[in-house]
Amino acid sequence: MTITVVAFAQAREALGASSLRIELPDGSRVADALGALEARHPALAALRPHLAVALDRELAPGDRALAEGMELALLPPVSGG
């Protein structure tokens, strides 16, 4: 299956792009997508504990199943006042 990954702020910097498409095996879950992204973009590993992940614009846990064409967003923490 192919999903689109959208990244913001530090996650965008770690991936080197604001969006990309990745291929994953059928039956993959959010955690599998994050693992595949880290394997290709090791800088993302340091951010992973701090990332919120949204799947089709809804926050999603790591065990949430993926389907063809979904959008996975990587949302780093926001700071400021």
PDB file of N, CA and C in Angstrom:
ATOM      1  N   MET A   1       0.841  -1.174   0.000  1.00  0.00           N
ATOM      2  CA  MET A   1       0.000   0.000   0.000  1.00  0.00           C
ATOM      3  C   MET A   1       0.884   1.235   0.000  1.00  0.00           C
ATOM      4  N   THR A   2       0.356   2.322  -0.485  1.00  0.00           N
ATOM      5  CA  THR A   2       1.066   3.597  -0.492  1.00  0.00           C
ATOM      6  C   THR A   2       0.314   4.577   0.396  1.00  0.00           C
ATOM      7  N   ILE A   3       1.077   5.246   1.284  1.00  0.00           N
ATOM      8  CA  ILE A   3       0.492   6.311   2.095  1.00  0.00           C
ATOM      9  C   ILE A   3       1.305   7.583   1.877  1.00  0.00           C
ATOM     10  N   THR A   4       0.692   8.709   2.205  1.00  0.00           N
ATOM     11  CA  THR A   4       1.372   9.995   2.129  1.00  0.00           C
ATOM     12  C   THR A   4       1.752  10.410   3.539  1.00  0.00           C
ATOM     13  N   VAL A   5       2.981  10.847   3.703  1.00  0.00           N
ATOM     14  CA  VAL A   5       3.463  11.343   4.992  1.00  0.00           C
ATOM     15  C   VAL A   5       3.635  12.852   4.866  1.00  0.00           C
ATOM     16  N   VAL A   6       3.053  13.577   5.803  1.00  0.00           N
ATOM     17  CA  VAL A   6       3.170  15.030   5.854  1.00  0.00           C
ATOM     18  C   VAL A   6       3.898  15.356   7.152  1.00  0.00           C
ATOM     19  N   ALA A   7       4.937  16.186   7.063  1.00  0.00           N
ATOM     20  CA  ALA A   7       5.749  16.482   8.236  1.00  0.00           C
ATOM     21  C   ALA A   7       5.829  17.982   8.470  1.00  0.00           C
ATOM     22  N   PHE A   8       5.844  18.349   9.733  1.00  0.00           N
ATOM     23  CA  PHE A   8       5.881  19.757  10.123  1.00  0.00           C
ATOM     24  C   PHE A   8       7.101  20.037  11.000  1.00  0.00           C
ATOM     25  N   ALA A   9       7.591  21.272  10.943  1.00  0.00           N
ATOM     26  CA  ALA A   9       8.677  21.790  11.798  1.00  0.00           C
ATOM     27  C   ALA A   9       9.882  20.853  11.807  1.00  0.00           C
ATOM     28  N   GLN A  10      10.320  20.400  13.000  1.00  0.00           N
ATOM     29  CA  GLN A  10      11.517  19.569  13.099  1.00  0.00           C
ATOM     30  C   GLN A  10      11.375  18.252  12.337  1.00  0.00           C
ATOM     31  N   ALA A  11      10.184  17.710  12.285  1.00  0.00           N
ATOM     32  CA  ALA A  11       9.974  16.461  11.539  1.00  0.00           C
ATOM     33  C   ALA A  11      10.218  16.690  10.053  1.00  0.00           C
ATOM     34  N   ARG A  12       9.806  17.824   9.546  1.00  0.00           N
ATOM     35  CA  ARG A  12      10.052  18.166   8.139  1.00  0.00           C
ATOM     36  C   ARG A  12      11.554  18.253   7.885  1.00  0.00           C
ATOM     37  N   GLU A  13      12.265  18.875   8.812  1.00  0.00           N
ATOM     38  CA  GLU A  13      13.721  18.970   8.672  1.00  0.00           C
ATOM     39  C   GLU A  13      14.368  17.591   8.699  1.00  0.00           C
ATOM     40  N   ALA A  14      13.909  16.712   9.583  1.00  0.00           N
ATOM     41  CA  ALA A  14      14.482  15.366   9.688  1.00  0.00           C
ATOM     42  C   ALA A  14      14.248  14.556   8.418  1.00  0.00           C
ATOM     43  N   LEU A  15      13.087  14.748   7.791  1.00  0.00           N
ATOM     44  CA  LEU A  15      12.772  14.014   6.562  1.00  0.00           C
ATOM     45  C   LEU A  15      13.364  14.670   5.325  1.00  0.00           C
ATOM     46  N   GLY A  16      13.671  15.963   5.429  1.00  0.00           N
ATOM     47  CA  GLY A  16      14.192  16.678   4.274  1.00  0.00           C
ATOM     48  C   GLY A  16      13.119  17.030   3.266  1.00  0.00           C
ATOM     49  N   ALA A  17      11.859  16.947   3.681  1.00  0.00           N
ATOM     50  CA  ALA A  17      10.739  17.266   2.792  1.00  0.00           C
ATOM     51  C   ALA A  17       9.493  17.495   3.642  1.00  0.00           C
ATOM     52  N   SER A  18       8.569  18.275   3.118  1.00  0.00           N
ATOM     53  CA  SER A  18       7.320  18.501   3.847  1.00  0.00           C
ATOM     54  C   SER A  18       6.317  17.379   3.618  1.00  0.00           C
ATOM     55  N   SER A  19       6.485  16.641   2.529  1.00  0.00           N
ATOM     56  CA  SER A  19       5.628  15.470   2.300  1.00  0.00           C
ATOM     57  C   SER A  19       6.352  14.479   1.406  1.00  0.00           C
ATOM     58  N   LEU A  20       5.975  13.232   1.559  1.00  0.00           N
ATOM     59  CA  LEU A  20       6.510  12.163   0.715  1.00  0.00           C
ATOM     60  C   LEU A  20       5.553  10.991   0.745  1.00  0.00           C
ATOM     61  N   ARG A  21       5.739  10.101  -0.187  1.00  0.00           N
ATOM     62  CA  ARG A  21       4.901   8.893  -0.253  1.00  0.00           C
ATOM     63  C   ARG A  21       5.783   7.698   0.058  1.00  0.00           C
ATOM     64  N   ILE A  22       5.254   6.762   0.856  1.00  0.00           N
ATOM     65  CA  ILE A  22       6.007   5.555   1.159  1.00  0.00           C
ATOM     66  C   ILE A  22       5.150   4.327   0.889  1.00  0.00           C
ATOM     67  N   GLU A  23       5.820   3.261   0.518  1.00  0.00           N
ATOM     68  CA  GLU A  23       5.195   1.963   0.286  1.00  0.00           C
ATOM     69  C   GLU A  23       5.355   1.117   1.540  1.00  0.00           C
ATOM     70  N   LEU A  24       4.285   0.484   1.966  1.00  0.00           N
ATOM     71  CA  LEU A  24       4.303  -0.402   3.127  1.00  0.00           C
ATOM     72  C   LEU A  24       3.544  -1.677   2.784  1.00  0.00           C
ATOM     73  N   PRO A  25       3.862  -2.770   3.454  1.00  0.00           N
ATOM     74  CA  PRO A  25       3.112  -4.007   3.218  1.00  0.00           C
ATOM     75  C   PRO A  25       1.664  -3.868   3.704  1.00  0.00           C
ATOM     76  N   ASP A  26       0.758  -4.572   3.059  1.00  0.00           N
ATOM     77  CA  ASP A  26      -0.629  -4.603   3.537  1.00  0.00           C
ATOM     78  C   ASP A  26      -0.635  -5.077   4.985  1.00  0.00           C
ATOM     79  N   GLY A  27      -1.528  -4.521   5.782  1.00  0.00           N
ATOM     80  CA  GLY A  27      -1.619  -4.881   7.193  1.00  0.00           C
ATOM     81  C   GLY A  27      -0.721  -4.055   8.094  1.00  0.00           C
ATOM     82  N   SER A  28      -0.012  -3.088   7.534  1.00  0.00           N
ATOM     83  CA  SER A  28       0.885  -2.239   8.334  1.00  0.00           C
ATOM     84  C   SER A  28       0.084  -1.329   9.255  1.00  0.00           C
ATOM     85  N   ARG A  29       0.741  -0.923  10.317  1.00  0.00           N
ATOM     86  CA  ARG A  29       0.149  -0.034  11.310  1.00  0.00           C
ATOM     87  C   ARG A  29       0.984   1.241  11.412  1.00  0.00           C
ATOM     88  N   VAL A  30       0.505   2.203  12.165  1.00  0.00           N
ATOM     89  CA  VAL A  30       1.212   3.473  12.325  1.00  0.00           C
ATOM     90  C   VAL A  30       2.653   3.232  12.778  1.00  0.00           C
ATOM     91  N   ALA A  31       2.854   2.363  13.758  1.00  0.00           N
ATOM     92  CA  ALA A  31       4.204   2.080  14.258  1.00  0.00           C
ATOM     93  C   ALA A  31       5.110   1.544  13.152  1.00  0.00           C
ATOM     94  N   ASP A  32       4.556   0.740  12.249  1.00  0.00           N
ATOM     95  CA  ASP A  32       5.346   0.211  11.130  1.00  0.00           C
ATOM     96  C   ASP A  32       5.791   1.343  10.207  1.00  0.00           C
ATOM     97  N   ALA A  33       4.901   2.285   9.954  1.00  0.00           N
ATOM     98  CA  ALA A  33       5.242   3.428   9.101  1.00  0.00           C
ATOM     99  C   ALA A  33       6.339   4.265   9.744  1.00  0.00           C
ATOM    100  N   LEU A  34       6.235   4.493  11.059  1.00  0.00           N
ATOM    101  CA  LEU A  34       7.261   5.265  11.745  1.00  0.00           C
ATOM    102  C   LEU A  34       8.605   4.546  11.707  1.00  0.00           C
ATOM    103  N   GLY A  35       8.595   3.240  11.880  1.00  0.00           N
ATOM    104  CA  GLY A  35       9.833   2.461  11.798  1.00  0.00           C
ATOM    105  C   GLY A  35      10.463   2.538  10.424  1.00  0.00           C
ATOM    106  N   ALA A  36       9.638   2.464   9.382  1.00  0.00           N
ATOM    107  CA  ALA A  36      10.146   2.565   8.008  1.00  0.00           C
ATOM    108  C   ALA A  36      10.730   3.949   7.748  1.00  0.00           C
ATOM    109  N   LEU A  37      10.070   4.969   8.264  1.00  0.00           N
ATOM    110  CA  LEU A  37      10.583   6.338   8.089  1.00  0.00           C
ATOM    111  C   LEU A  37      11.911   6.529   8.812  1.00  0.00           C
ATOM    112  N   GLU A  38      12.015   6.003  10.030  1.00  0.00           N
ATOM    113  CA  GLU A  38      13.269   6.114  10.779  1.00  0.00           C
ATOM    114  C   GLU A  38      14.405   5.378  10.080  1.00  0.00           C
ATOM    115  N   ALA A  39      14.116   4.242   9.484  1.00  0.00           N
ATOM    116  CA  ALA A  39      15.149   3.481   8.776  1.00  0.00           C
ATOM    117  C   ALA A  39      15.715   4.289   7.610  1.00  0.00           C
ATOM    118  N   ARG A  40      14.857   5.053   6.945  1.00  0.00           N
ATOM    119  CA  ARG A  40      15.280   5.865   5.795  1.00  0.00           C
ATOM    120  C   ARG A  40      15.806   7.237   6.204  1.00  0.00           C
ATOM    121  N   HIS A  41      15.346   7.726   7.345  1.00  0.00           N
ATOM    122  CA  HIS A  41      15.697   9.072   7.822  1.00  0.00           C
ATOM    123  C   HIS A  41      16.053   8.975   9.309  1.00  0.00           C
ATOM    124  N   PRO A  42      17.271   8.541   9.642  1.00  0.00           N
ATOM    125  CA  PRO A  42      17.652   8.309  11.040  1.00  0.00           C
ATOM    126  C   PRO A  42      17.475   9.517  11.965  1.00  0.00           C
ATOM    127  N   ALA A  43      17.534  10.716  11.454  1.00  0.00           N
ATOM    128  CA  ALA A  43      17.359  11.905  12.292  1.00  0.00           C
ATOM    129  C   ALA A  43      15.968  11.951  12.927  1.00  0.00           C
ATOM    130  N   LEU A  44      15.026  11.246  12.351  1.00  0.00           N
ATOM    131  CA  LEU A  44      13.664  11.232  12.890  1.00  0.00           C
ATOM    132  C   LEU A  44      13.587  10.474  14.216  1.00  0.00           C
ATOM    133  N   ALA A  45      14.500   9.541  14.448  1.00  0.00           N
ATOM    134  CA  ALA A  45      14.463   8.717  15.654  1.00  0.00           C
ATOM    135  C   ALA A  45      14.505   9.554  16.933  1.00  0.00           C
ATOM    136  N   ALA A  46      15.310  10.612  16.955  1.00  0.00           N
ATOM    137  CA  ALA A  46      15.406  11.458  18.149  1.00  0.00           C
ATOM    138  C   ALA A  46      14.093  12.183  18.443  1.00  0.00           C
ATOM    139  N   LEU A  47      13.314  12.454  17.415  1.00  0.00           N
ATOM    140  CA  LEU A  47      12.043  13.161  17.596  1.00  0.00           C
ATOM    141  C   LEU A  47      10.892  12.237  17.958  1.00  0.00           C
ATOM    142  N   ARG A  48      11.009  10.977  17.612  1.00  0.00           N
ATOM    143  CA  ARG A  48       9.870  10.055  17.731  1.00  0.00           C
ATOM    144  C   ARG A  48       9.182  10.064  19.100  1.00  0.00           C
ATOM    145  N   PRO A  49       9.931  10.074  20.214  1.00  0.00           N
ATOM    146  CA  PRO A  49       9.228  10.075  21.511  1.00  0.00           C
ATOM    147  C   PRO A  49       8.368  11.314  21.743  1.00  0.00           C
ATOM    148  N   HIS A  50       8.623  12.372  20.991  1.00  0.00           N
ATOM    149  CA  HIS A  50       7.926  13.635  21.211  1.00  0.00           C
ATOM    150  C   HIS A  50       6.860  13.927  20.149  1.00  0.00           C
ATOM    151  N   LEU A  51       6.749  13.079  19.154  1.00  0.00           N
ATOM    152  CA  LEU A  51       5.817  13.326  18.051  1.00  0.00           C
ATOM    153  C   LEU A  51       4.398  12.901  18.382  1.00  0.00           C
ATOM    154  N   ALA A  52       3.460  13.699  17.957  1.00  0.00           N
ATOM    155  CA  ALA A  52       2.071  13.257  17.880  1.00  0.00           C
ATOM    156  C   ALA A  52       1.873  12.832  16.426  1.00  0.00           C
ATOM    157  N   VAL A  53       1.052  11.829  16.233  1.00  0.00           N
ATOM    158  CA  VAL A  53       0.816  11.317  14.886  1.00  0.00           C
ATOM    159  C   VAL A  53      -0.681  11.385  14.600  1.00  0.00           C
ATOM    160  N   ALA A  54      -1.005  11.938  13.441  1.00  0.00           N
ATOM    161  CA  ALA A  54      -2.402  11.989  13.016  1.00  0.00           C
ATOM    162  C   ALA A  54      -2.545  11.160  11.747  1.00  0.00           C
ATOM    163  N   LEU A  55      -3.632  10.457  11.673  1.00  0.00           N
ATOM    164  CA  LEU A  55      -3.947   9.642  10.512  1.00  0.00           C
ATOM    165  C   LEU A  55      -5.251  10.168   9.936  1.00  0.00           C
ATOM    166  N   ASP A  56      -5.164  10.672   8.721  1.00  0.00           N
ATOM    167  CA  ASP A  56      -6.313  11.326   8.089  1.00  0.00           C
ATOM    168  C   ASP A  56      -6.935  12.375   9.008  1.00  0.00           C
ATOM    169  N   ARG A  57      -6.053  13.220   9.566  1.00  0.00           N
ATOM    170  CA  ARG A  57      -6.420  14.381  10.394  1.00  0.00           C
ATOM    171  C   ARG A  57      -7.028  14.041  11.748  1.00  0.00           C
ATOM    172  N   GLU A  58      -6.760  12.840  12.246  1.00  0.00           N
ATOM    173  CA  GLU A  58      -7.246  12.424  13.557  1.00  0.00           C
ATOM    174  C   GLU A  58      -6.085  11.781  14.300  1.00  0.00           C
ATOM    175  N   LEU A  59      -5.822  12.224  15.539  1.00  0.00           N
ATOM    176  CA  LEU A  59      -4.726  11.637  16.296  1.00  0.00           C
ATOM    177  C   LEU A  59      -4.871  10.125  16.345  1.00  0.00           C
ATOM    178  N   ALA A  60      -3.735   9.439  16.188  1.00  0.00           N
ATOM    179  CA  ALA A  60      -3.781   7.981  16.061  1.00  0.00           C
ATOM    180  C   ALA A  60      -2.690   7.328  16.898  1.00  0.00           C
ATOM    181  N   PRO A  61      -3.032   6.231  17.584  1.00  0.00           N
ATOM    182  CA  PRO A  61      -2.025   5.470  18.326  1.00  0.00           C
ATOM    183  C   PRO A  61      -1.195   4.611  17.375  1.00  0.00           C
ATOM    184  N   GLY A  62      -0.087   4.095  17.879  1.00  0.00           N
ATOM    185  CA  GLY A  62       0.815   3.293  17.067  1.00  0.00           C
ATOM    186  C   GLY A  62       0.233   2.014  16.524  1.00  0.00           C
ATOM    187  N   ASP A  63      -0.805   1.497  17.180  1.00  0.00           N
ATOM    188  CA  ASP A  63      -1.379   0.230  16.715  1.00  0.00           C
ATOM    189  C   ASP A  63      -2.533   0.411  15.723  1.00  0.00           C
ATOM    190  N   ARG A  64      -2.792   1.629  15.328  1.00  0.00           N
ATOM    191  CA  ARG A  64      -3.878   1.904  14.364  1.00  0.00           C
ATOM    192  C   ARG A  64      -3.493   1.376  12.982  1.00  0.00           C
ATOM    193  N   ALA A  65      -4.383   0.655  12.359  1.00  0.00           N
ATOM    194  CA  ALA A  65      -4.133   0.072  11.038  1.00  0.00           C
ATOM    195  C   ALA A  65      -4.136   1.146   9.953  1.00  0.00           C
ATOM    196  N   LEU A  66      -3.290   0.938   8.965  1.00  0.00           N
ATOM    197  CA  LEU A  66      -3.215   1.835   7.810  1.00  0.00           C
ATOM    198  C   LEU A  66      -3.945   1.212   6.631  1.00  0.00           C
ATOM    199  N   ALA A  67      -4.374   2.056   5.715  1.00  0.00           N
ATOM    200  CA  ALA A  67      -5.009   1.598   4.480  1.00  0.00           C
ATOM    201  C   ALA A  67      -4.474   2.426   3.321  1.00  0.00           C
ATOM    202  N   GLU A  68      -4.593   1.884   2.151  1.00  0.00           N
ATOM    203  CA  GLU A  68      -4.146   2.547   0.925  1.00  0.00           C
ATOM    204  C   GLU A  68      -4.637   3.989   0.873  1.00  0.00           C
ATOM    205  N   GLY A  69      -3.710   4.913   0.568  1.00  0.00           N
ATOM    206  CA  GLY A  69      -4.074   6.304   0.337  1.00  0.00           C
ATOM    207  C   GLY A  69      -4.210   7.174   1.565  1.00  0.00           C
ATOM    208  N   MET A  70      -4.014   6.620   2.749  1.00  0.00           N
ATOM    209  CA  MET A  70      -4.143   7.436   3.964  1.00  0.00           C
ATOM    210  C   MET A  70      -3.040   8.482   4.042  1.00  0.00           C
ATOM    211  N   GLU A  71      -3.311   9.518   4.845  1.00  0.00           N
ATOM    212  CA  GLU A  71      -2.323  10.557   5.114  1.00  0.00           C
ATOM    213  C   GLU A  71      -1.895  10.456   6.565  1.00  0.00           C
ATOM    214  N   LEU A  72      -0.588  10.316   6.785  1.00  0.00           N
ATOM    215  CA  LEU A  72      -0.009  10.231   8.113  1.00  0.00           C
ATOM    216  C   LEU A  72       0.738  11.541   8.350  1.00  0.00           C
ATOM    217  N   ALA A  73       0.350  12.276   9.394  1.00  0.00           N
ATOM    218  CA  ALA A  73       0.995  13.551   9.698  1.00  0.00           C
ATOM    219  C   ALA A  73       1.864  13.417  10.939  1.00  0.00           C
ATOM    220  N   LEU A  74       3.079  13.950  10.870  1.00  0.00           N
ATOM    221  CA  LEU A  74       4.011  13.967  11.981  1.00  0.00           C
ATOM    222  C   LEU A  74       3.990  15.354  12.596  1.00  0.00           C
ATOM    223  N   LEU A  75       3.553  15.420  13.858  1.00  0.00           N
ATOM    224  CA  LEU A  75       3.324  16.695  14.529  1.00  0.00           C
ATOM    225  C   LEU A  75       4.247  16.834  15.730  1.00  0.00           C
ATOM    226  N   PRO A  76       5.345  17.595  15.585  1.00  0.00           N
ATOM    227  CA  PRO A  76       6.238  17.822  16.718  1.00  0.00           C
ATOM    228  C   PRO A  76       5.562  18.696  17.769  1.00  0.00           C
ATOM    229  N   PRO A  77       6.094  18.680  18.993  1.00  0.00           N
ATOM    230  CA  PRO A  77       5.517  19.547  20.020  1.00  0.00           C
ATOM    231  C   PRO A  77       5.700  21.015  19.635  1.00  0.00           C
ATOM    232  N   VAL A  78       4.780  21.817  20.111  1.00  0.00           N
ATOM    233  CA  VAL A  78       4.818  23.256  19.832  1.00  0.00           C
ATOM    234  C   VAL A  78       5.216  23.966  21.112  1.00  0.00           C
ATOM    235  N   SER A  79       6.116  24.918  20.996  1.00  0.00           N
ATOM    236  CA  SER A  79       6.487  25.697  22.170  1.00  0.00           C
ATOM    237  C   SER A  79       6.255  27.178  21.877  1.00  0.00           C
ATOM    238  N   GLY A  80       6.274  27.951  22.886  1.00  0.00           N
ATOM    239  CA  GLY A  80       6.058  29.367  22.708  1.00  0.00           C
ATOM    240  C   GLY A  80       4.972  29.858  23.639  1.00  0.00           C
ATOM    241  N   GLY A  81       4.638  31.125  23.505  1.00  0.00           N
ATOM    242  CA  GLY A  81       3.683  31.624  24.457  1.00  0.00           C
ATOM    243  C   GLY A  81       2.702  32.548  23.904  1.00  0.00           C
TER     244      GLY A  81
END
